Protein backbone atom coordinates (compact mmCIF):
# COMPACT_ATOMS: atom_id res chain seq x y z
CA MET A 1 0.00 0.00 0.00
CA SER A 2 1.38 3.40 -0.92
CA ALA A 3 1.83 6.09 1.71
CA LEU A 4 -0.80 8.19 -0.06
CA GLN A 5 -3.32 5.34 -0.12
CA GLU A 6 -2.69 4.70 3.58
CA LEU A 7 -3.46 8.35 4.38
CA VAL A 8 -6.61 8.22 2.25
CA ASP A 9 -7.79 5.06 4.01
CA ARG A 10 -7.00 6.41 7.50
CA THR A 11 -8.96 9.56 6.73
CA ALA A 12 -11.89 7.52 5.42
CA VAL A 13 -11.92 5.37 8.58
CA ALA A 14 -11.81 8.52 10.76
CA ASP A 15 -14.79 9.87 8.78
CA VAL A 16 -16.75 6.69 9.52
CA VAL A 17 -16.00 7.05 13.26
CA ALA A 18 -17.09 10.71 13.24
CA GLY A 19 -20.16 9.74 11.23
CA LEU A 20 -21.09 7.11 13.81
CA ALA A 21 -21.10 9.73 16.57
CA HIS A 22 -22.84 12.44 14.54
CA ALA A 23 -25.54 10.18 13.04
CA GLN A 24 -26.64 9.06 16.51
CA ASP A 25 -26.74 12.60 17.90
CA ASP A 26 -28.48 13.98 14.80
CA ARG A 27 -30.97 11.08 14.72
CA ASP A 28 -29.88 10.53 11.10
CA TRP A 29 -30.97 6.91 10.80
CA ALA A 30 -30.36 6.68 7.04
CA GLY A 31 -26.88 8.12 7.54
CA LEU A 32 -26.24 5.67 10.36
CA ARG A 33 -27.27 2.74 8.14
CA ARG A 34 -24.78 3.82 5.44
CA LEU A 35 -21.90 3.28 7.89
CA PHE A 36 -22.47 -0.46 8.33
CA ALA A 37 -21.91 -3.60 6.31
CA ASP A 38 -25.05 -5.69 5.82
CA GLU A 39 -24.31 -7.61 9.04
CA VAL A 40 -22.49 -6.33 12.11
CA LEU A 41 -21.13 -8.13 15.14
CA LEU A 42 -22.45 -5.96 17.98
CA ASP A 43 -20.80 -6.33 21.38
CA LEU A 44 -22.45 -4.52 24.30
CA SER A 45 -21.31 -7.07 26.88
CA THR A 46 -19.40 -4.53 29.03
CA HIS A 47 -22.03 -1.81 28.61
CA HIS A 48 -24.85 -1.75 31.15
CA PHE A 49 -27.08 -3.68 28.78
CA GLY A 50 -24.89 -6.76 29.35
CA ARG A 51 -25.94 -8.31 26.05
CA PRO A 52 -23.65 -11.01 24.69
CA PRO A 53 -22.00 -10.27 21.33
CA THR A 54 -24.38 -11.06 18.48
CA THR A 55 -24.43 -10.66 14.73
CA VAL A 56 -27.30 -8.44 13.61
CA PRO A 57 -28.51 -7.17 10.26
CA ALA A 58 -27.57 -3.51 9.83
CA GLY A 59 -31.22 -2.47 9.56
CA ASP A 60 -31.97 -4.09 12.93
CA LEU A 61 -28.96 -2.36 14.47
CA VAL A 62 -30.24 1.01 13.27
CA GLU A 63 -33.68 0.24 14.72
CA LEU A 64 -32.03 -0.68 18.03
CA ALA A 65 -30.23 2.68 18.02
CA ARG A 66 -33.45 4.50 17.08
CA GLY A 67 -35.40 2.77 19.86
CA THR A 68 -32.67 3.46 22.40
CA LEU A 69 -32.00 7.11 21.54
CA THR A 70 -35.39 8.51 20.48
CA GLY A 71 -36.63 9.14 24.05
CA PHE A 72 -33.61 11.29 24.95
CA ASP A 73 -33.97 15.01 24.37
CA CYS A 74 -30.25 15.19 23.62
CA THR A 75 -27.20 13.01 23.31
CA HIS A 76 -23.57 13.84 22.70
CA HIS A 77 -21.09 11.22 21.51
CA ALA A 78 -17.48 12.43 21.46
CA ALA A 79 -14.85 10.20 19.85
CA SER A 80 -11.15 10.98 20.22
CA ASN A 81 -7.66 9.49 20.12
CA LEU A 82 -8.28 7.24 17.13
CA ALA A 83 -5.81 4.38 16.78
CA VAL A 84 -6.21 2.89 13.29
CA ARG A 85 -4.53 -0.29 12.04
CA LEU A 86 -4.87 -1.04 8.35
CA SER A 87 -4.35 -4.39 6.67
CA GLY A 88 -5.32 -4.29 3.01
CA ASP A 89 -9.09 -3.92 2.80
CA GLU A 90 -9.58 -4.45 6.54
CA ALA A 91 -9.06 -2.04 9.42
CA GLU A 92 -9.34 -1.92 13.18
CA CYS A 93 -9.97 1.31 15.02
CA ARG A 94 -10.09 1.99 18.73
CA THR A 95 -11.37 5.39 19.80
CA HIS A 96 -12.00 6.85 23.24
CA MET A 97 -15.70 7.55 23.72
CA ILE A 98 -17.63 9.79 26.03
CA ALA A 99 -21.38 9.50 25.54
CA TYR A 100 -23.74 11.89 27.34
CA HIS A 101 -27.50 11.17 27.39
CA HIS A 102 -30.16 13.49 28.82
CA VAL A 103 -33.85 12.80 29.27
CA PRO A 104 -36.61 15.07 30.61
CA ALA A 105 -37.39 13.89 34.14
CA ASP A 106 -39.35 14.94 37.21
CA PRO A 107 -37.55 17.19 39.72
CA GLY A 108 -35.25 15.19 41.96
CA VAL A 109 -34.86 12.37 39.43
CA VAL A 110 -31.41 11.95 37.90
CA ASP A 111 -31.93 13.03 34.29
CA HIS A 112 -28.61 12.20 32.66
CA CYS A 113 -26.03 9.51 32.19
CA THR A 114 -22.47 9.71 30.91
CA MET A 115 -20.59 6.64 29.73
CA ARG A 116 -16.81 6.71 29.38
CA GLY A 117 -14.89 4.05 27.55
CA TYR A 118 -14.07 3.28 23.97
CA TRP A 119 -15.43 1.93 20.73
CA GLN A 120 -13.54 -0.98 19.20
CA LEU A 121 -14.43 -1.11 15.51
CA ARG A 122 -13.54 -3.43 12.68
CA LEU A 123 -14.15 -2.20 9.19
CA ARG A 124 -13.93 -3.65 5.70
CA LYS A 125 -13.57 -1.80 2.42
CA LEU A 126 -16.54 -2.89 0.32
CA GLY A 127 -17.41 -1.31 -2.99
CA GLY A 128 -14.78 1.37 -2.38
CA ARG A 129 -16.27 2.40 1.01
CA TRP A 130 -15.15 1.59 4.53
CA LEU A 131 -18.02 -0.08 6.41
CA ILE A 132 -18.27 -1.21 10.02
CA THR A 133 -18.43 -5.00 10.46
CA HIS A 134 -17.86 -5.13 14.22
CA TRP A 135 -18.80 -2.58 16.89
CA ALA A 136 -17.90 -3.10 20.54
CA VAL A 137 -18.89 -0.50 23.14
CA VAL A 138 -16.54 -0.94 26.08
CA ARG A 139 -17.27 0.94 29.32
CA THR A 140 -14.07 1.52 31.31
CA ALA A 141 -15.17 3.92 34.05
CA PRO A 142 -18.09 4.25 36.47
CA TRP A 143 -21.29 5.85 35.21
CA GLU A 144 -21.80 9.52 35.90
CA GLY A 145 -25.47 10.12 36.56
CA SER A 146 -27.69 7.07 36.29
CA PRO A 147 -28.04 4.38 33.61
CA ASP A 148 -31.72 4.27 34.65
CA VAL A 149 -32.27 7.15 32.21
CA TYR A 150 -32.33 4.53 29.44
CA ALA A 151 -35.54 3.12 30.95
CA LEU A 152 -36.97 6.64 31.27
CA ALA A 153 -36.13 7.33 27.61
CA ALA A 154 -37.71 4.03 26.54
CA ALA A 155 -40.89 4.87 28.45
CA LEU A 156 -41.04 8.27 26.74
CA THR A 157 -40.62 6.59 23.35
CA THR A 158 -43.43 4.13 24.14
CA THR A 159 -45.70 6.95 25.36
CA ALA A 160 -45.05 8.99 22.19
CA LYS A 161 -45.93 5.98 19.99
CA GLU A 162 -49.20 5.47 21.86
CA GLU A 163 -50.34 9.09 21.49
C-alpha cells in the first residue's frame, strides 16, 4: 500500500467514526445505516445492557439505536484518540468515547447519564467504502449520573408511539 493510499484510508476510517457519533446525535438513521456492512457483530457485553455479542442485520442495528435514543432530548457522543490499524481492505480502530444522554425527568430524578470508555471497531472496504463489520462499546469507568435514564427514555418513546 502506498503512503498516499494509507493516508486516504486512514482519513476515510476517521470519517466513519465521526459519522457514527454524529448520526446518533443527529438522529440521522439513514446516515447511520450507510456506515455499516449488511451484518455487524455488535458487542455490548461490558455496557450496562450486558448483552452477549451477536451478529445483527444492519437495519436491525439502526432500529435498536433508534429505539434506544429517540426518548432522549439530547445526546452527545465524542470520539477521540483514534488508533487505526490497516491491513489491506480491513481495518481496526479503537477510539475513546464519552457518551452523554439526557432525558426530561421529574424534579429530583437523575436526568442524565455519561458513559466513558471506547469503541472498538472493525471495518472492511466494500465497494470502495469503509463499512463497520464489528462494533464493541466498552465501558471503562463508572457511570456519571444514572443508567436508569435509558428506561426513562424508553418509556417516553413508548408513550409517544401510543399518542
